Amino acid sequence: MALADDITALEKKLIQLKTGYEQYFLGMQKTAPEKLRSEVEKLIRLYTNQTITNTALNFRLNTVVAKFSSYRTYWDRTVREIEEGRYIREKFRMKLHDRMSQPAPPVHPTARAAAVSPSEEDNIKRVYDEYVKARKTTNEPIPKFEAVAELIKKQTPVIKEKYKASSVDFKVVIEDGKAKLKAVPKK
């Protein structure tokens, strides 16, 4: 089973290599991970020259080789664009990742309760539950409750003002195969 362990190690190195190139492309590292890339290439050459009789191991190795080949094409093209000065680093995505990784400031329970009445909170929970069911049926990722609640709280006064409504109800609809929240202003 040494070959199975070697292929697993090769898969892990390929993931590390992919991460290293992504960090290089975002500007988080100064140089491309060439040392790790040469290690992976050497291991791939070593294992592809061996005769593997186990079909499952052969398939895993071929999958790793195919992934590496497609990644290598992408990496070479992107490095060429960087060298030619045509590559635009995804700074927006990097800043978004930094913001998402920072912990949110704690919200005091009494401050949160004062902002929303219990009936509004129940209504938001009901809408969220319906939204989650709809997203599951459309195979979409499930958002966090806090994100949906914040969206509803933020949009309610805007819609009230825009349509001169006394209240706003939210309902869940599925359009074009995607679950959406629809605001219904009440006069």
Protein backbone atom coordinates (compact mmCIF):
# COMPACT_ATOMS: atom_id res chain seq x y z
CA MET A 1 0.00 0.00 0.00
CA ALA A 2 3.02 2.28 -0.23
CA LEU A 3 1.94 3.43 -3.68
CA ALA A 4 -1.50 4.47 -2.37
CA ASP A 5 0.18 6.56 0.33
CA ASP A 6 2.52 8.08 -2.24
CA ILE A 7 -0.39 9.07 -4.47
CA THR A 8 -2.19 10.60 -1.47
CA ALA A 9 0.95 12.59 -0.66
CA LEU A 10 1.16 13.69 -4.30
CA GLU A 11 -2.47 14.88 -4.17
CA LYS A 12 -1.70 16.91 -1.04
CA LYS A 13 1.37 18.46 -2.67
CA LEU A 14 -0.71 19.39 -5.70
CA ILE A 15 -3.21 21.16 -3.43
CA GLN A 16 -0.34 23.00 -1.71
CA LEU A 17 1.06 23.96 -5.10
CA LYS A 18 -2.31 25.27 -6.27
CA THR A 19 -2.64 27.34 -3.08
CA GLY A 20 0.88 28.67 -3.52
CA TYR A 21 0.16 29.83 -7.07
CA GLU A 22 -3.14 31.43 -6.00
CA GLN A 23 -1.29 33.37 -3.30
CA TYR A 24 1.34 34.40 -5.83
CA PHE A 25 -1.30 35.59 -8.29
CA LEU A 26 -3.02 37.63 -5.57
CA GLY A 27 0.28 39.26 -4.63
CA MET A 28 0.49 37.63 -1.21
CA GLN A 29 3.79 35.91 -2.14
CA LYS A 30 6.66 37.53 -3.99
CA THR A 31 7.66 34.51 -6.06
CA ALA A 32 5.94 31.58 -7.70
CA PRO A 33 6.33 28.21 -5.89
CA GLU A 34 8.78 26.80 -8.45
CA LYS A 35 10.56 24.48 -5.99
CA LEU A 36 7.34 22.70 -5.05
CA ARG A 37 6.31 22.60 -8.71
CA SER A 38 9.54 20.85 -9.70
CA GLU A 39 9.02 18.35 -6.86
CA VAL A 40 5.50 17.57 -8.09
CA GLU A 41 6.70 17.25 -11.70
CA LYS A 42 9.47 14.88 -10.62
CA LEU A 43 7.03 12.71 -8.65
CA ILE A 44 4.57 12.62 -11.56
CA ARG A 45 7.33 11.52 -13.94
CA LEU A 46 8.39 8.85 -11.45
CA TYR A 47 4.91 7.40 -10.98
CA THR A 48 3.79 7.60 -14.61
CA ASN A 49 6.80 5.54 -15.67
CA GLN A 50 5.76 2.74 -13.31
CA THR A 51 3.35 -0.02 -14.29
CA ILE A 52 0.38 0.11 -11.92
CA THR A 53 -1.82 -2.98 -11.99
CA ASN A 54 -4.34 -1.73 -9.44
CA THR A 55 -7.04 0.02 -11.46
CA ALA A 56 -8.18 2.30 -8.64
CA LEU A 57 -4.64 3.54 -7.99
CA ASN A 58 -4.04 3.97 -11.71
CA PHE A 59 -7.23 6.06 -11.97
CA ARG A 60 -6.22 8.23 -8.98
CA LEU A 61 -2.79 8.82 -10.48
CA ASN A 62 -4.24 9.68 -13.88
CA THR A 63 -6.64 12.12 -12.21
CA VAL A 64 -3.77 13.85 -10.41
CA VAL A 65 -1.75 14.01 -13.64
CA ALA A 66 -4.71 15.49 -15.54
CA LYS A 67 -5.33 18.10 -12.82
CA PHE A 68 -1.66 19.05 -12.79
CA SER A 69 -1.64 19.36 -16.56
CA SER A 70 -4.61 21.72 -16.64
CA TYR A 71 -3.29 23.73 -13.69
CA ARG A 72 0.13 23.96 -15.34
CA THR A 73 -1.41 25.43 -18.49
CA TYR A 74 -3.33 27.99 -16.45
CA TRP A 75 -0.32 28.87 -14.29
CA ASP A 76 2.01 29.29 -17.28
CA ARG A 77 -0.50 31.53 -19.07
CA THR A 78 -1.02 33.68 -15.97
CA VAL A 79 2.72 33.99 -15.27
CA ARG A 80 3.20 35.05 -18.90
CA GLU A 81 0.48 37.71 -18.46
CA ILE A 82 2.20 38.96 -15.29
CA GLU A 83 5.53 39.18 -17.09
CA GLU A 84 3.93 41.06 -19.99
CA GLY A 85 2.13 43.41 -17.59
CA ARG A 86 -1.37 42.39 -18.70
CA TYR A 87 -2.46 40.59 -15.51
CA ILE A 88 -4.73 42.43 -13.08
CA ARG A 89 -4.53 41.06 -9.58
CA GLU A 90 -7.86 40.37 -7.94
CA LYS A 91 -7.44 42.87 -5.14
CA PHE A 92 -11.20 43.11 -4.63
CA ARG A 93 -11.42 39.39 -3.91
CA MET A 94 -8.42 39.58 -1.60
CA LYS A 95 -9.93 42.48 0.39
CA LEU A 96 -13.25 40.65 0.59
CA HIS A 97 -11.47 37.56 1.90
CA ASP A 98 -9.67 39.66 4.53
CA ARG A 99 -12.96 41.21 5.66
CA MET A 100 -14.68 37.82 5.84
CA SER A 101 -11.86 36.31 7.90
CA GLN A 102 -12.02 39.06 10.53
CA PRO A 103 -14.46 38.35 13.36
CA ALA A 104 -17.59 40.48 13.47
CA PRO A 105 -17.90 42.87 16.40
CA PRO A 106 -20.01 41.36 19.18
CA VAL A 107 -23.59 42.56 19.40
CA HIS A 108 -24.98 43.11 22.87
CA PRO A 109 -28.24 41.10 23.29
CA THR A 110 -30.20 44.04 24.71
CA ALA A 111 -29.14 46.33 21.87
CA ARG A 112 -30.27 43.77 19.33
CA ALA A 113 -33.61 43.26 21.07
CA ALA A 114 -34.24 46.99 21.13
CA ALA A 115 -33.72 47.29 17.37
CA VAL A 116 -36.32 44.68 16.38
CA SER A 117 -39.59 43.83 18.09
CA PRO A 118 -40.39 40.17 18.85
CA SER A 119 -43.09 40.01 16.16
CA GLU A 120 -40.66 41.34 13.54
CA GLU A 121 -38.06 38.81 14.65
CA ASP A 122 -40.61 35.98 14.30
CA ASN A 123 -41.55 37.26 10.84
CA ILE A 124 -37.88 37.34 9.79
CA LYS A 125 -37.40 33.77 11.08
CA ARG A 126 -40.46 32.61 9.14
CA VAL A 127 -39.20 34.24 5.92
CA TYR A 128 -35.73 32.79 6.48
CA ASP A 129 -37.13 29.27 6.97
CA GLU A 130 -39.12 29.55 3.72
CA TYR A 131 -36.05 30.93 1.95
CA VAL A 132 -33.90 28.03 3.17
CA LYS A 133 -36.47 25.49 1.93
CA ALA A 134 -36.61 27.18 -1.47
CA ARG A 135 -32.79 27.32 -1.76
CA LYS A 136 -32.57 23.62 -0.90
CA THR A 137 -35.03 22.76 -3.66
CA THR A 138 -33.00 24.80 -6.17
CA ASN A 139 -29.67 23.36 -4.90
CA GLU A 140 -28.29 26.79 -3.99
CA PRO A 141 -26.00 27.49 -1.01
CA ILE A 142 -27.78 28.37 2.23
CA PRO A 143 -27.02 31.89 3.53
CA LYS A 144 -26.58 32.63 7.21
CA PHE A 145 -29.61 33.81 9.16
CA GLU A 146 -27.81 37.01 10.17
CA ALA A 147 -27.17 37.97 6.54
CA VAL A 148 -30.82 37.51 5.53
CA ALA A 149 -32.08 39.30 8.65
CA GLU A 150 -29.73 42.23 8.00
CA LEU A 151 -30.90 42.44 4.38
CA ILE A 152 -34.55 42.51 5.43
CA LYS A 153 -33.91 45.10 8.16
CA LYS A 154 -31.96 47.27 5.73
CA GLN A 155 -34.47 47.05 2.87
CA THR A 156 -37.66 47.53 4.90
CA PRO A 157 -37.27 51.32 5.53
CA VAL A 158 -36.09 51.90 1.95
CA ILE A 159 -39.13 50.15 0.49
CA LYS A 160 -41.49 51.88 2.96
CA GLU A 161 -40.18 55.27 1.88
CA LYS A 162 -40.10 54.46 -1.83
CA TYR A 163 -43.67 53.14 -2.01
CA LYS A 164 -45.10 55.23 0.87
CA ALA A 165 -46.14 51.98 2.58
CA SER A 166 -47.03 51.44 6.23
CA SER A 167 -45.38 48.01 6.32
CA VAL A 168 -43.48 45.59 4.12
CA ASP A 169 -43.96 41.83 3.88
CA PHE A 170 -41.35 39.57 2.33
CA LYS A 171 -42.21 36.43 0.41
CA VAL A 172 -40.06 33.76 -1.20
CA VAL A 173 -40.41 33.04 -4.91
CA ILE A 174 -38.51 30.86 -7.34
CA GLU A 175 -37.67 32.59 -10.62
CA ASP A 176 -35.43 31.17 -13.36
CA GLY A 177 -34.55 28.26 -11.07
CA LYS A 178 -33.31 30.54 -8.27
CA ALA A 179 -34.89 31.32 -4.91
CA LYS A 180 -35.45 35.05 -4.36
CA LEU A 181 -36.89 37.29 -1.68
CA LYS A 182 -39.63 39.60 -2.92
CA ALA A 183 -40.77 42.63 -0.95
CA VAL A 184 -44.52 43.35 -0.89
CA PRO A 185 -45.31 46.89 0.30
CA LYS A 186 -48.57 47.25 2.31
CA LYS A 187 -50.45 50.55 2.18
